[in-house]
Amino acid sequence: MNHEVHDFTKDVIEQSFKVPVVVDFWAEWCGPCKMLGPILERLADQSAGKWVLAKVDTDRNEDLAVRYGVRGIPNVKLFVDGKVASEFTGALPERAVVQWLEKALPDQNRKELETARQLIQEGKHSEAQQLLETVLSRTPANEQGRALLAAILIWQDRLRAVDLVRNIQEHSTHYSLADAIRTFDELVGKMDHPELLPQDSVKTTYLAAIYDMRSKQLDAALDKFIDVIRLNRYYDDDGARRACLAIFKLLGEENDVTKRHRRDFSSALH
């Protein structure tokens, strides 16, 4: 597919009011451009119309390069509603380009997802769940929606929560929340076979902390996990530390429970 721009106003500016346009400023003599170009073209062809690619040869369009402050190439700019929304310079590997796109592209559901995130912070989980279910009914693969819904469901429907984040991998901006949910599931699963845990004086406290976590008694759980860290930092493959971080992530840094325990947690580690 030929992505070369013929009319910048029509192909980029006007088009960007309908769909985000990724503009690749390049030149024939530029080696890094020839590395990045095929990556952008492949991702554009795989985007299912979520965004389109436009290529601008800077040798033939010096005026455009000057107008948009292109000082080095390849230079990639994302246009949304006629304006540059994000950009990068240099030949990034494909994984890094995917990460940039995930962060830079506007999400059609972003307002609803932000509202859901606020509702979760306010403890209005049923309202947030209803909103997230609606978002996912339209866009089932939306990773932010899946991760936020999983964070609500982890205490009431672990199997579905884990399934929602199953395909959220390290390159995703929502990986840390997905990882917290998987950590929660792993730790709660240990209650089914406590005999497999190492024998140690902290074992009883550790199991009690997991029970409190599963029961959403998070103040009590964090108190016990922090006690375990103080007594045996690396018990169960650093399980208490990982549990605390998972709880903090699920609740958010602005949550009162997180704020109450952050200092003691850091103190216990050091």
Protein backbone atom coordinates (compact mmCIF):
# COMPACT_ATOMS: atom_id res chain seq x y z
CA MET A 1 0.00 0.00 0.00
CA ASN A 2 1.33 3.46 -0.93
CA HIS A 3 1.27 5.75 2.11
CA GLU A 4 3.12 8.69 0.52
CA VAL A 5 1.43 12.08 1.07
CA HIS A 6 0.35 14.06 -2.00
CA ASP A 7 -1.76 16.75 -0.33
CA PHE A 8 -0.75 17.31 3.33
CA THR A 9 -3.82 19.35 4.18
CA LYS A 10 -6.20 16.71 2.84
CA ASP A 11 -4.21 13.53 3.61
CA VAL A 12 -3.12 14.52 7.12
CA ILE A 13 -4.81 17.58 8.61
CA GLU A 14 -8.38 16.94 7.39
CA GLN A 15 -8.04 13.17 7.71
CA SER A 16 -6.91 13.46 11.34
CA PHE A 17 -10.35 14.78 12.31
CA LYS A 18 -11.78 11.41 11.22
CA VAL A 19 -9.00 9.02 12.28
CA PRO A 20 -5.55 9.50 13.91
CA VAL A 21 -2.78 9.93 11.32
CA VAL A 22 0.81 8.80 11.99
CA VAL A 23 3.18 10.81 9.80
CA ASP A 24 6.61 9.38 8.99
CA PHE A 25 9.06 12.11 7.96
CA TRP A 26 11.81 10.28 6.05
CA ALA A 27 14.32 10.53 3.19
CA GLU A 28 15.70 8.07 0.65
CA TRP A 29 19.31 8.51 1.85
CA CYS A 30 18.44 7.87 5.52
CA GLY A 31 19.45 4.38 6.69
CA PRO A 32 17.44 4.39 9.96
CA CYS A 33 14.39 5.54 7.96
CA LYS A 34 14.61 2.37 5.88
CA MET A 35 14.62 0.32 9.11
CA LEU A 36 11.65 2.10 10.66
CA GLY A 37 9.53 2.51 7.52
CA PRO A 38 8.58 -1.17 7.04
CA ILE A 39 7.70 -1.46 10.75
CA LEU A 40 5.28 1.47 10.53
CA GLU A 41 3.80 0.17 7.29
CA ARG A 42 3.26 -3.31 8.74
CA LEU A 43 1.65 -1.93 11.92
CA ALA A 44 -0.57 0.39 9.88
CA ASP A 45 -1.78 -2.49 7.75
CA GLN A 46 -2.53 -4.49 10.92
CA SER A 47 -4.32 -1.64 12.72
CA ALA A 48 -7.75 -2.42 11.23
CA GLY A 49 -8.32 1.27 10.54
CA LYS A 50 -7.62 2.40 14.12
CA TRP A 51 -5.03 4.78 12.61
CA VAL A 52 -3.54 5.49 9.20
CA LEU A 53 0.01 6.10 8.04
CA ALA A 54 1.20 9.02 5.92
CA LYS A 55 4.81 9.28 4.69
CA VAL A 56 6.50 12.60 3.94
CA ASP A 57 9.79 12.69 2.01
CA THR A 58 11.63 15.61 3.64
CA ASP A 59 13.83 16.17 0.57
CA ARG A 60 10.73 16.83 -1.54
CA ASN A 61 8.82 18.62 1.22
CA GLU A 62 11.36 20.82 2.99
CA ASP A 63 8.66 23.37 3.81
CA LEU A 64 6.66 20.78 5.77
CA ALA A 65 9.78 19.61 7.61
CA VAL A 66 10.53 23.20 8.64
CA ARG A 67 6.92 23.96 9.55
CA TYR A 68 6.72 20.98 11.90
CA GLY A 69 10.17 21.36 13.42
CA VAL A 70 11.72 18.21 11.96
CA ARG A 71 15.40 18.46 12.92
CA GLY A 72 16.35 14.80 12.59
CA ILE A 73 14.91 11.83 10.73
CA PRO A 74 13.18 9.51 10.93
CA ASN A 75 10.74 11.69 12.81
CA VAL A 76 7.27 10.32 13.52
CA LYS A 77 4.36 12.55 14.54
CA LEU A 78 0.82 11.59 15.50
CA PHE A 79 -1.84 14.02 14.28
CA VAL A 80 -5.22 14.11 16.03
CA ASP A 81 -7.86 16.74 15.22
CA GLY A 82 -5.40 18.66 13.07
CA LYS A 83 -2.65 18.94 15.67
CA VAL A 84 0.47 17.01 16.69
CA ALA A 85 -0.53 14.89 19.71
CA SER A 86 2.73 12.96 20.18
CA GLU A 87 6.01 12.21 18.39
CA PHE A 88 9.38 10.48 18.50
CA THR A 89 12.67 10.69 16.60
CA GLY A 90 14.93 7.81 15.59
CA ALA A 91 14.48 4.21 14.46
CA LEU A 92 12.77 2.44 17.37
CA PRO A 93 12.36 -1.35 17.44
CA GLU A 94 8.85 -2.64 16.70
CA ARG A 95 8.02 -3.35 20.34
CA ALA A 96 8.87 0.24 21.31
CA VAL A 97 6.75 1.60 18.44
CA VAL A 98 3.80 -0.52 19.63
CA GLN A 99 4.24 0.86 23.16
CA TRP A 100 4.34 4.42 21.83
CA LEU A 101 1.16 3.83 19.82
CA GLU A 102 -0.63 2.38 22.85
CA LYS A 103 0.17 5.49 24.89
CA ALA A 104 -0.26 8.06 22.14
CA LEU A 105 -3.39 6.95 20.29
CA PRO A 106 -6.63 8.37 21.70
CA ASP A 107 -8.92 5.70 23.10
CA GLN A 108 -12.50 5.98 21.90
CA ASN A 109 -13.51 4.84 25.38
CA ARG A 110 -11.10 7.09 27.28
CA LYS A 111 -13.74 9.25 28.98
CA GLU A 112 -15.71 6.24 30.22
CA LEU A 113 -12.52 4.50 31.36
CA GLU A 114 -11.38 7.57 33.27
CA THR A 115 -14.82 7.80 34.90
CA ALA A 116 -14.61 4.11 35.84
CA ARG A 117 -11.15 4.62 37.34
CA GLN A 118 -12.46 7.52 39.42
CA LEU A 119 -15.43 5.46 40.59
CA ILE A 120 -13.09 2.68 41.70
CA GLN A 121 -11.00 5.16 43.69
CA GLU A 122 -14.19 6.39 45.35
CA GLY A 123 -15.19 2.83 46.26
CA LYS A 124 -18.19 2.83 43.90
CA HIS A 125 -17.35 -0.56 42.47
CA SER A 126 -20.80 -1.60 41.24
CA GLU A 127 -21.14 1.59 39.17
CA ALA A 128 -17.63 1.17 37.81
CA GLN A 129 -18.28 -2.48 36.95
CA GLN A 130 -21.44 -1.60 35.02
CA LEU A 131 -19.57 1.05 33.03
CA LEU A 132 -16.64 -1.27 32.29
CA GLU A 133 -18.93 -4.11 31.19
CA THR A 134 -20.48 -1.67 28.70
CA VAL A 135 -17.06 -0.63 27.36
CA LEU A 136 -15.96 -4.25 26.97
CA SER A 137 -19.20 -5.21 25.23
CA ARG A 138 -18.17 -2.75 22.50
CA THR A 139 -14.41 -3.37 22.55
CA PRO A 140 -13.71 -6.75 24.19
CA ALA A 141 -9.93 -6.48 23.68
CA ASN A 142 -9.58 -3.12 25.46
CA GLU A 143 -6.73 -3.82 27.88
CA GLN A 144 -7.37 -0.93 30.25
CA GLY A 145 -11.02 -1.90 30.59
CA ARG A 146 -10.12 -5.54 31.16
CA ALA A 147 -7.51 -4.70 33.80
CA LEU A 148 -9.80 -2.28 35.67
CA LEU A 149 -12.69 -4.75 35.66
CA ALA A 150 -10.37 -7.52 36.86
CA ALA A 151 -9.25 -5.29 39.74
CA ILE A 152 -12.89 -5.10 40.85
CA LEU A 153 -13.65 -8.80 40.34
CA ILE A 154 -10.51 -10.26 41.94
CA TRP A 155 -12.20 -10.52 45.35
CA GLN A 156 -15.49 -11.98 44.11
CA ASP A 157 -14.69 -13.88 40.92
CA ARG A 158 -10.98 -14.74 40.78
CA LEU A 159 -11.30 -17.03 37.77
CA ARG A 160 -12.87 -14.36 35.58
CA ALA A 161 -10.49 -11.69 36.86
CA VAL A 162 -7.44 -13.77 35.93
CA ASP A 163 -8.97 -14.65 32.56
CA LEU A 164 -9.53 -10.96 31.79
CA VAL A 165 -5.82 -10.17 32.14
CA ARG A 166 -4.48 -13.43 30.71
CA ASN A 167 -3.25 -11.87 27.47
CA ILE A 168 -1.93 -8.60 28.90
CA GLN A 169 1.83 -8.95 28.45
CA GLU A 170 4.92 -6.97 29.51
CA HIS A 171 4.85 -4.54 26.59
CA SER A 172 1.39 -3.29 27.66
CA THR A 173 1.00 -0.10 29.68
CA HIS A 174 -1.48 -2.04 31.85
CA TYR A 175 0.91 -4.89 32.63
CA SER A 176 1.63 -3.81 36.23
CA LEU A 177 -2.07 -3.99 37.19
CA ALA A 178 -2.47 -7.30 35.38
CA ASP A 179 0.60 -8.63 37.18
CA ALA A 180 -0.85 -7.55 40.55
CA ILE A 181 -4.00 -9.54 39.79
CA ARG A 182 -1.96 -12.61 38.84
CA THR A 183 0.11 -12.24 42.03
CA PHE A 184 -3.08 -12.03 44.12
CA ASP A 185 -4.39 -15.20 42.47
CA GLU A 186 -1.10 -17.04 42.97
CA LEU A 187 -0.94 -16.17 46.68
CA VAL A 188 -4.57 -17.00 47.43
CA GLY A 189 -4.04 -20.34 45.67
CA LYS A 190 -1.42 -21.22 48.28
CA MET A 191 -4.18 -21.56 50.87
CA ASP A 192 -5.32 -24.74 49.12
CA HIS A 193 -1.97 -26.43 49.81
CA PRO A 194 -0.38 -24.78 52.86
CA GLU A 195 1.78 -27.86 53.37
CA LEU A 196 3.80 -26.84 50.32
CA LEU A 197 4.95 -23.61 51.97
CA PRO A 198 8.38 -23.69 53.65
CA GLN A 199 8.41 -24.42 57.38
CA ASP A 200 9.30 -21.25 59.24
CA SER A 201 8.21 -19.26 62.29
CA VAL A 202 6.47 -16.75 59.96
CA LYS A 203 4.38 -19.35 58.12
CA THR A 204 1.29 -18.94 60.33
CA THR A 205 1.38 -15.14 60.03
CA TYR A 206 1.91 -15.39 56.27
CA LEU A 207 -1.11 -17.67 55.80
CA ALA A 208 -3.22 -15.43 58.04
CA ALA A 209 -2.19 -12.44 55.89
CA ILE A 210 -3.25 -14.24 52.71
CA TYR A 211 -6.59 -15.12 54.34
CA ASP A 212 -7.12 -11.44 55.26
CA MET A 213 -6.18 -10.39 51.73
CA ARG A 214 -8.69 -12.81 50.21
CA SER A 215 -11.35 -11.53 52.65
CA LYS A 216 -10.53 -7.93 51.68
CA GLN A 217 -9.36 -7.12 55.21
CA LEU A 218 -6.51 -5.20 53.69
CA ASP A 219 -5.33 -3.20 56.69
CA ALA A 220 -4.90 -6.42 58.63
CA ALA A 221 -3.32 -8.20 55.66
CA LEU A 222 -0.73 -5.49 55.14
CA ASP A 223 0.13 -5.38 58.86
CA LYS A 224 0.84 -9.12 58.78
CA PHE A 225 2.72 -9.11 55.48
CA ILE A 226 4.94 -6.28 56.75
CA ASP A 227 5.61 -8.29 59.93
CA VAL A 228 6.71 -11.21 57.75
CA ILE A 229 9.04 -8.92 55.78
CA ARG A 230 10.65 -7.72 59.00
CA LEU A 231 11.18 -11.27 60.30
CA ASN A 232 12.05 -13.15 57.13
CA ARG A 233 12.32 -10.85 54.10
CA TYR A 234 12.61 -13.61 51.50
CA TYR A 235 10.09 -16.15 52.82
CA ASP A 236 8.18 -17.92 50.02
CA ASP A 237 10.23 -16.31 47.26
CA ASP A 238 9.69 -12.76 48.55
CA GLY A 239 5.96 -13.44 48.77
CA ALA A 240 5.12 -10.85 51.45
CA ARG A 241 6.78 -8.03 49.51
CA ARG A 242 5.05 -9.06 46.30
CA ALA A 243 1.72 -9.24 48.14
CA CYS A 244 2.09 -5.71 49.51
CA LEU A 245 2.96 -4.32 46.08
CA ALA A 246 -0.03 -6.14 44.54
CA ILE A 247 -2.41 -4.69 47.14
CA PHE A 248 -0.99 -1.19 46.66
CA LYS A 249 -1.43 -1.50 42.90
CA LEU A 250 -4.98 -2.81 43.16
CA LEU A 251 -6.00 -0.02 45.52
CA GLY A 252 -3.99 2.80 43.93
CA GLU A 253 -1.45 5.12 45.53
CA GLU A 254 -4.10 7.63 46.61
CA ASN A 255 -6.10 5.07 48.60
CA ASP A 256 -6.06 5.64 52.37
CA VAL A 257 -5.05 2.03 53.06
CA THR A 258 -2.08 2.36 50.74
CA LYS A 259 -1.04 5.65 52.32
CA ARG A 260 -1.28 4.19 55.84
CA HIS A 261 1.08 1.32 55.08
CA ARG A 262 3.54 2.65 52.49
CA ARG A 263 6.01 4.05 55.03
CA ASP A 264 6.04 0.92 57.24
CA PHE A 265 6.47 -1.20 54.12
CA SER A 266 9.49 0.81 52.95
CA SER A 267 10.94 0.79 56.45
CA ALA A 268 10.60 -3.00 56.69
CA LEU A 269 12.47 -3.44 53.41
CA HIS A 270 15.37 -1.26 54.48
